PDB file of N, CA and C in Angstrom:
ATOM      1  N   MET A   1      24.410  15.598  25.929  1.00  0.00           N
ATOM      2  CA  MET A   1      23.965  16.093  24.638  1.00  0.00           C
ATOM      3  C   MET A   1      22.639  15.434  24.284  1.00  0.00           C
ATOM      4  N   SER A   2      21.658  16.238  23.975  1.00  0.00           N
ATOM      5  CA  SER A   2      20.320  15.742  23.668  1.00  0.00           C
ATOM      6  C   SER A   2      20.238  15.316  22.206  1.00  0.00           C
ATOM      7  N   MET A   3      19.574  14.189  21.965  1.00  0.00           N
ATOM      8  CA  MET A   3      19.428  13.666  20.610  1.00  0.00           C
ATOM      9  C   MET A   3      18.041  13.963  20.043  1.00  0.00           C
ATOM     10  N   LEU A   4      17.330  14.938  20.605  1.00  0.00           N
ATOM     11  CA  LEU A   4      16.003  15.284  20.120  1.00  0.00           C
ATOM     12  C   LEU A   4      16.114  16.148  18.870  1.00  0.00           C
ATOM     13  N   ALA A   5      15.132  15.995  17.995  1.00  0.00           N
ATOM     14  CA  ALA A   5      15.093  16.799  16.777  1.00  0.00           C
ATOM     15  C   ALA A   5      14.246  18.030  17.042  1.00  0.00           C
ATOM     16  N   GLU A   6      14.836  19.019  17.670  1.00  0.00           N
ATOM     17  CA  GLU A   6      14.084  20.205  18.072  1.00  0.00           C
ATOM     18  C   GLU A   6      13.761  21.111  16.888  1.00  0.00           C
ATOM     19  N   GLY A   7      14.505  21.009  15.809  1.00  0.00           N
ATOM     20  CA  GLY A   7      14.270  21.861  14.658  1.00  0.00           C
ATOM     21  C   GLY A   7      13.267  21.288  13.672  1.00  0.00           C
ATOM     22  N   VAL A   8      12.750  20.104  13.933  1.00  0.00           N
ATOM     23  CA  VAL A   8      11.812  19.471  13.011  1.00  0.00           C
ATOM     24  C   VAL A   8      10.431  20.080  13.203  1.00  0.00           C
ATOM     25  N   VAL A   9       9.869  20.560  12.098  1.00  0.00           N
ATOM     26  CA  VAL A   9       8.540  21.159  12.147  1.00  0.00           C
ATOM     27  C   VAL A   9       7.644  20.355  11.215  1.00  0.00           C
ATOM     28  N   GLY A  10       6.444  20.019  11.666  1.00  0.00           N
ATOM     29  CA  GLY A  10       5.505  19.277  10.828  1.00  0.00           C
ATOM     30  C   GLY A  10       5.034  18.017  11.519  1.00  0.00           C
ATOM     31  N   SER A  11       4.433  17.178  10.733  1.00  0.00           N
ATOM     32  CA  SER A  11       3.839  15.967  11.272  1.00  0.00           C
ATOM     33  C   SER A  11       4.686  14.754  10.920  1.00  0.00           C
ATOM     34  N   ILE A  12       4.914  13.914  11.878  1.00  0.00           N
ATOM     35  CA  ILE A  12       5.640  12.674  11.637  1.00  0.00           C
ATOM     36  C   ILE A  12       4.745  11.654  10.934  1.00  0.00           C
ATOM     37  N   ALA A  13       3.451  11.971  10.834  1.00  0.00           N
ATOM     38  CA  ALA A  13       2.506  11.068  10.173  1.00  0.00           C
ATOM     39  C   ALA A  13       2.846  10.888   8.706  1.00  0.00           C
ATOM     40  N   SER A  14       3.403  11.910   8.065  1.00  0.00           N
ATOM     41  CA  SER A  14       3.767  11.770   6.655  1.00  0.00           C
ATOM     42  C   SER A  14       4.899  10.770   6.489  1.00  0.00           C
ATOM     43  N   VAL A  15       5.816  10.728   7.416  1.00  0.00           N
ATOM     44  CA  VAL A  15       6.880   9.727   7.367  1.00  0.00           C
ATOM     45  C   VAL A  15       6.296   8.344   7.617  1.00  0.00           C
ATOM     46  N   GLY A  16       5.352   8.263   8.548  1.00  0.00           N
ATOM     47  CA  GLY A  16       4.694   6.983   8.823  1.00  0.00           C
ATOM     48  C   GLY A  16       3.952   6.460   7.613  1.00  0.00           C
ATOM     49  N   TYR A  17       3.269   7.348   6.888  1.00  0.00           N
ATOM     50  CA  TYR A  17       2.570   6.891   5.690  1.00  0.00           C
ATOM     51  C   TYR A  17       3.559   6.464   4.612  1.00  0.00           C
ATOM     52  N   GLY A  18       4.649   7.168   4.490  1.00  0.00           N
ATOM     53  CA  GLY A  18       5.666   6.774   3.511  1.00  0.00           C
ATOM     54  C   GLY A  18       6.179   5.370   3.775  1.00  0.00           C
ATOM     55  N   LEU A  19       6.382   5.048   5.035  1.00  0.00           N
ATOM     56  CA  LEU A  19       6.821   3.700   5.380  1.00  0.00           C
ATOM     57  C   LEU A  19       5.697   2.685   5.195  1.00  0.00           C
ATOM     58  N   ALA A  20       4.461   3.100   5.482  1.00  0.00           N
ATOM     59  CA  ALA A  20       3.326   2.186   5.345  1.00  0.00           C
ATOM     60  C   ALA A  20       2.982   1.919   3.885  1.00  0.00           C
ATOM     61  N   ALA A  21       3.375   2.795   2.981  1.00  0.00           N
ATOM     62  CA  ALA A  21       3.077   2.609   1.561  1.00  0.00           C
ATOM     63  C   ALA A  21       3.956   1.538   0.930  1.00  0.00           C
ATOM     64  N   ILE A  22       5.004   1.130   1.608  1.00  0.00           N
ATOM     65  CA  ILE A  22       5.884   0.093   1.074  1.00  0.00           C
ATOM     66  C   ILE A  22       5.141  -1.234   0.984  1.00  0.00           C
ATOM     67  N   GLY A  23       4.337  -1.556   1.992  1.00  0.00           N
ATOM     68  CA  GLY A  23       3.600  -2.826   2.009  1.00  0.00           C
ATOM     69  C   GLY A  23       2.644  -2.990   0.843  1.00  0.00           C
ATOM     70  N   PRO A  24       1.735  -2.024   0.607  1.00  0.00           N
ATOM     71  CA  PRO A  24       0.853  -2.156  -0.550  1.00  0.00           C
ATOM     72  C   PRO A  24       1.608  -2.148  -1.877  1.00  0.00           C
ATOM     73  N   GLY A  25       2.710  -1.428  -1.948  1.00  0.00           N
ATOM     74  CA  GLY A  25       3.508  -1.439  -3.182  1.00  0.00           C
ATOM     75  C   GLY A  25       4.061  -2.816  -3.483  1.00  0.00           C
ATOM     76  N   ILE A  26       4.572  -3.468  -2.472  1.00  0.00           N
ATOM     77  CA  ILE A  26       5.076  -4.837  -2.652  1.00  0.00           C
ATOM     78  C   ILE A  26       3.920  -5.786  -2.959  1.00  0.00           C
ATOM     79  N   GLY A  27       2.796  -5.590  -2.283  1.00  0.00           N
ATOM     80  CA  GLY A  27       1.629  -6.442  -2.505  1.00  0.00           C
ATOM     81  C   GLY A  27       1.102  -6.364  -3.922  1.00  0.00           C
ATOM     82  N   VAL A  28       1.030  -5.153  -4.476  1.00  0.00           N
ATOM     83  CA  VAL A  28       0.554  -4.992  -5.850  1.00  0.00           C
ATOM     84  C   VAL A  28       1.519  -5.664  -6.828  1.00  0.00           C
ATOM     85  N   GLY A  29       2.797  -5.528  -6.578  1.00  0.00           N
ATOM     86  CA  GLY A  29       3.778  -6.195  -7.436  1.00  0.00           C
ATOM     87  C   GLY A  29       3.642  -7.709  -7.404  1.00  0.00           C
ATOM     88  N   LEU A  30       3.421  -8.254  -6.224  1.00  0.00           N
ATOM     89  CA  LEU A  30       3.234  -9.701  -6.112  1.00  0.00           C
ATOM     90  C   LEU A  30       1.946 -10.159  -6.777  1.00  0.00           C
ATOM     91  N   ILE A  31       0.875  -9.384  -6.611  1.00  0.00           N
ATOM     92  CA  ILE A  31      -0.410  -9.768  -7.205  1.00  0.00           C
ATOM     93  C   ILE A  31      -0.301  -9.846  -8.714  1.00  0.00           C
ATOM     94  N   PHE A  32       0.218  -8.787  -9.333  1.00  0.00           N
ATOM     95  CA  PHE A  32       0.271  -8.771 -10.794  1.00  0.00           C
ATOM     96  C   PHE A  32       1.337  -9.710 -11.347  1.00  0.00           C
ATOM     97  N   GLY A  33       2.459  -9.829 -10.640  1.00  0.00           N
ATOM     98  CA  GLY A  33       3.498 -10.753 -11.093  1.00  0.00           C
ATOM     99  C   GLY A  33       3.027 -12.198 -11.091  1.00  0.00           C
ATOM    100  N   ASN A  34       2.408 -12.598  -9.995  1.00  0.00           N
ATOM    101  CA  ASN A  34       1.910 -13.972  -9.912  1.00  0.00           C
ATOM    102  C   ASN A  34       0.685 -14.186 -10.794  1.00  0.00           C
ATOM    103  N   GLY A  35      -0.113 -13.125 -10.998  1.00  0.00           N
ATOM    104  CA  GLY A  35      -1.262 -13.246 -11.890  1.00  0.00           C
ATOM    105  C   GLY A  35      -0.845 -13.481 -13.328  1.00  0.00           C
ATOM    106  N   VAL A  36       0.145 -12.745 -13.784  1.00  0.00           N
ATOM    107  CA  VAL A  36       0.644 -12.939 -15.156  1.00  0.00           C
ATOM    108  C   VAL A  36       1.279 -14.313 -15.301  1.00  0.00           C
ATOM    109  N   GLN A  37       2.000 -14.748 -14.296  1.00  0.00           N
ATOM    110  CA  GLN A  37       2.604 -16.082 -14.337  1.00  0.00           C
ATOM    111  C   GLN A  37       1.530 -17.165 -14.382  1.00  0.00           C
ATOM    112  N   ALA A  38       0.461 -16.999 -13.613  1.00  0.00           N
ATOM    113  CA  ALA A  38      -0.618 -17.987 -13.626  1.00  0.00           C
ATOM    114  C   ALA A  38      -1.339 -18.000 -14.972  1.00  0.00           C
ATOM    115  N   MET A  39      -1.524 -16.826 -15.586  1.00  0.00           N
ATOM    116  CA  MET A  39      -2.167 -16.781 -16.904  1.00  0.00           C
ATOM    117  C   MET A  39      -1.286 -17.413 -17.979  1.00  0.00           C
ATOM    118  N   ALA A  40       0.030 -17.304 -17.817  1.00  0.00           N
ATOM    119  CA  ALA A  40       0.928 -17.937 -18.774  1.00  0.00           C
ATOM    120  C   ALA A  40       0.900 -19.456 -18.628  1.00  0.00           C
ATOM    121  N   ARG A  41       0.702 -19.937 -17.409  1.00  0.00           N
ATOM    122  CA  ARG A  41       0.664 -21.388 -17.189  1.00  0.00           C
ATOM    123  C   ARG A  41      -0.673 -22.000 -17.594  1.00  0.00           C
ATOM    124  N   GLN A  42      -1.769 -21.258 -17.386  1.00  0.00           N
ATOM    125  CA  GLN A  42      -3.106 -21.765 -17.726  1.00  0.00           C
ATOM    126  C   GLN A  42      -3.884 -20.690 -18.478  1.00  0.00           C
ATOM    127  N   PRO A  43      -3.659 -20.579 -19.781  1.00  0.00           N
ATOM    128  CA  PRO A  43      -4.341 -19.527 -20.549  1.00  0.00           C
ATOM    129  C   PRO A  43      -5.863 -19.673 -20.559  1.00  0.00           C
ATOM    130  N   GLU A  44      -6.373 -20.889 -20.389  1.00  0.00           N
ATOM    131  CA  GLU A  44      -7.833 -21.082 -20.412  1.00  0.00           C
ATOM    132  C   GLU A  44      -8.510 -20.500 -19.182  1.00  0.00           C
ATOM    133  N   ALA A  45      -7.769 -20.263 -18.113  1.00  0.00           N
ATOM    134  CA  ALA A  45      -8.336 -19.696 -16.891  1.00  0.00           C
ATOM    135  C   ALA A  45      -7.997 -18.212 -16.746  1.00  0.00           C
ATOM    136  N   ALA A  46      -7.631 -17.562 -17.844  1.00  0.00           N
ATOM    137  CA  ALA A  46      -7.176 -16.167 -17.775  1.00  0.00           C
ATOM    138  C   ALA A  46      -8.272 -15.232 -17.261  1.00  0.00           C
ATOM    139  N   GLY A  47      -9.525 -15.464 -17.638  1.00  0.00           N
ATOM    140  CA  GLY A  47     -10.602 -14.584 -17.190  1.00  0.00           C
ATOM    141  C   GLY A  47     -10.801 -14.629 -15.690  1.00  0.00           C
ATOM    142  N   LEU A  48     -10.821 -15.818 -15.131  1.00  0.00           N
ATOM    143  CA  LEU A  48     -10.985 -15.983 -13.683  1.00  0.00           C
ATOM    144  C   LEU A  48      -9.777 -15.425 -12.932  1.00  0.00           C
ATOM    145  N   ILE A  49      -8.604 -15.691 -13.449  1.00  0.00           N
ATOM    146  CA  ILE A  49      -7.386 -15.193 -12.797  1.00  0.00           C
ATOM    147  C   ILE A  49      -7.362 -13.671 -12.830  1.00  0.00           C
ATOM    148  N   ARG A  50      -7.747 -13.082 -13.961  1.00  0.00           N
ATOM    149  CA  ARG A  50      -7.727 -11.628 -14.093  1.00  0.00           C
ATOM    150  C   ARG A  50      -8.725 -10.973 -13.128  1.00  0.00           C
ATOM    151  N   SER A  51      -9.910 -11.554 -13.009  1.00  0.00           N
ATOM    152  CA  SER A  51     -10.894 -10.955 -12.098  1.00  0.00           C
ATOM    153  C   SER A  51     -10.429 -11.063 -10.646  1.00  0.00           C
ATOM    154  N   ASN A  52      -9.863 -12.186 -10.273  1.00  0.00           N
ATOM    155  CA  ASN A  52      -9.334 -12.322  -8.907  1.00  0.00           C
ATOM    156  C   ASN A  52      -8.142 -11.405  -8.685  1.00  0.00           C
ATOM    157  N   MET A  53      -7.366 -11.197  -9.734  1.00  0.00           N
ATOM    158  CA  MET A  53      -6.211 -10.314  -9.631  1.00  0.00           C
ATOM    159  C   MET A  53      -6.665  -8.874  -9.374  1.00  0.00           C
ATOM    160  N   PHE A  54      -7.712  -8.431 -10.048  1.00  0.00           N
ATOM    161  CA  PHE A  54      -8.191  -7.063  -9.847  1.00  0.00           C
ATOM    162  C   PHE A  54      -8.877  -6.892  -8.495  1.00  0.00           C
ATOM    163  N   ILE A  55      -9.529  -7.920  -7.993  1.00  0.00           N
ATOM    164  CA  ILE A  55     -10.117  -7.843  -6.653  1.00  0.00           C
ATOM    165  C   ILE A  55      -9.010  -7.715  -5.607  1.00  0.00           C
ATOM    166  N   GLY A  56      -7.957  -8.497  -5.754  1.00  0.00           N
ATOM    167  CA  GLY A  56      -6.819  -8.389  -4.840  1.00  0.00           C
ATOM    168  C   GLY A  56      -6.138  -7.038  -4.917  1.00  0.00           C
ATOM    169  N   PHE A  57      -6.044  -6.505  -6.139  1.00  0.00           N
ATOM    170  CA  PHE A  57      -5.449  -5.182  -6.319  1.00  0.00           C
ATOM    171  C   PHE A  57      -6.289  -4.112  -5.627  1.00  0.00           C
ATOM    172  N   ALA A  58      -7.597  -4.188  -5.770  1.00  0.00           N
ATOM    173  CA  ALA A  58      -8.476  -3.195  -5.152  1.00  0.00           C
ATOM    174  C   ALA A  58      -8.385  -3.244  -3.630  1.00  0.00           C
ATOM    175  N   LEU A  59      -8.342  -4.433  -3.065  1.00  0.00           N
ATOM    176  CA  LEU A  59      -8.231  -4.552  -1.606  1.00  0.00           C
ATOM    177  C   LEU A  59      -6.885  -4.042  -1.105  1.00  0.00           C
ATOM    178  N   THR A  60      -5.831  -4.312  -1.853  1.00  0.00           N
ATOM    179  CA  THR A  60      -4.505  -3.848  -1.456  1.00  0.00           C
ATOM    180  C   THR A  60      -4.416  -2.330  -1.527  1.00  0.00           C
ATOM    181  N   GLU A  61      -4.967  -1.745  -2.574  1.00  0.00           N
ATOM    182  CA  GLU A  61      -4.942  -0.293  -2.699  1.00  0.00           C
ATOM    183  C   GLU A  61      -5.846   0.372  -1.674  1.00  0.00           C
ATOM    184  N   ALA A  62      -6.907  -0.308  -1.254  1.00  0.00           N
ATOM    185  CA  ALA A  62      -7.767   0.250  -0.209  1.00  0.00           C
ATOM    186  C   ALA A  62      -6.979   0.421   1.085  1.00  0.00           C
ATOM    187  N   LEU A  63      -6.086  -0.507   1.381  1.00  0.00           N
ATOM    188  CA  LEU A  63      -5.249  -0.368   2.576  1.00  0.00           C
ATOM    189  C   LEU A  63      -4.352   0.857   2.472  1.00  0.00           C
ATOM    190  N   ALA A  64      -3.821   1.114   1.274  1.00  0.00           N
ATOM    191  CA  ALA A  64      -2.977   2.290   1.091  1.00  0.00           C
ATOM    192  C   ALA A  64      -3.788   3.573   1.243  1.00  0.00           C
ATOM    193  N   LEU A  65      -5.005   3.588   0.726  1.00  0.00           N
ATOM    194  CA  LEU A  65      -5.843   4.781   0.853  1.00  0.00           C
ATOM    195  C   LEU A  65      -6.273   5.022   2.293  1.00  0.00           C
ATOM    196  N   ILE A  66      -6.533   3.945   3.023  1.00  0.00           N
ATOM    197  CA  ILE A  66      -6.839   4.093   4.449  1.00  0.00           C
ATOM    198  C   ILE A  66      -5.633   4.666   5.177  1.00  0.00           C
ATOM    199  N   GLY A  67      -4.457   4.218   4.786  1.00  0.00           N
ATOM    200  CA  GLY A  67      -3.239   4.720   5.409  1.00  0.00           C
ATOM    201  C   GLY A  67      -3.000   6.193   5.156  1.00  0.00           C
ATOM    202  N   ILE A  68      -3.408   6.704   4.003  1.00  0.00           N
ATOM    203  CA  ILE A  68      -3.201   8.126   3.723  1.00  0.00           C
ATOM    204  C   ILE A  68      -4.230   8.997   4.442  1.00  0.00           C
ATOM    205  N   VAL A  69      -5.378   8.442   4.804  1.00  0.00           N
ATOM    206  CA  VAL A  69      -6.418   9.210   5.482  1.00  0.00           C
ATOM    207  C   VAL A  69      -6.200   9.244   6.998  1.00  0.00           C
ATOM    208  N   MET A  70      -5.609   8.230   7.556  1.00  0.00           N
ATOM    209  CA  MET A  70      -5.474   8.120   9.016  1.00  0.00           C
ATOM    210  C   MET A  70      -4.718   9.275   9.663  1.00  0.00           C
ATOM    211  N   PRO A  71      -3.656   9.817   9.069  1.00  0.00           N
ATOM    212  CA  PRO A  71      -3.020  10.973   9.733  1.00  0.00           C
ATOM    213  C   PRO A  71      -3.958  12.177   9.860  1.00  0.00           C
ATOM    214  N   PHE A  72      -4.891  12.322   8.930  1.00  0.00           N
ATOM    215  CA  PHE A  72      -5.840  13.433   9.021  1.00  0.00           C
ATOM    216  C   PHE A  72      -6.918  13.164  10.068  1.00  0.00           C
ATOM    217  N   VAL A  73      -7.303  11.912  10.186  1.00  0.00           N
ATOM    218  CA  VAL A  73      -8.363  11.549  11.146  1.00  0.00           C
ATOM    219  C   VAL A  73      -7.821  11.618  12.571  1.00  0.00           C
ATOM    220  N   PHE A  74      -6.659  11.045  12.788  1.00  0.00           N
ATOM    221  CA  PHE A  74      -6.081  10.980  14.135  1.00  0.00           C
ATOM    222  C   PHE A  74      -4.914  11.929  14.281  1.00  0.00           C
ATOM    223  N   GLY A  75      -5.035  13.124  13.738  1.00  0.00           N
ATOM    224  CA  GLY A  75      -3.970  14.129  13.853  1.00  0.00           C
ATOM    225  C   GLY A  75      -3.795  14.591  15.278  1.00  0.00           C
ATOM    226  N   THR A  76      -2.628  15.138  15.563  1.00  0.00           N
ATOM    227  CA  THR A  76      -2.337  15.604  16.920  1.00  0.00           C
ATOM    228  C   THR A  76      -2.953  16.959  17.189  1.00  0.00           C
ATOM    229  N   GLY A  77      -3.304  17.681  16.147  1.00  0.00           N
ATOM    230  CA  GLY A  77      -3.957  18.969  16.342  1.00  0.00           C
ATOM    231  C   GLY A  77      -2.990  20.095  16.692  1.00  0.00           C
ATOM    232  N   SER A  78      -1.692  19.874  16.575  1.00  0.00           N
ATOM    233  CA  SER A  78      -0.744  20.937  16.924  1.00  0.00           C
ATOM    234  C   SER A  78      -0.290  21.706  15.718  1.00  0.00           C
TER     235      SER A  78
END
């Protein structure tokens, strides 16, 4: 008995991106959670912490955006 998914139509890249989106989601949660905690511990450094927090957020989201573009760039063409 064959265990192949012969009835599946479409690209497996969408499933790959769904799994790859978990990492940036966790990363954004950690960035903002730890940023708020750091601002609560040192309110005088809130400006510096906030700017570093947004830089980290932008870099993390850039990874997610790269992940959504890659299936289109390296598609199988079928």
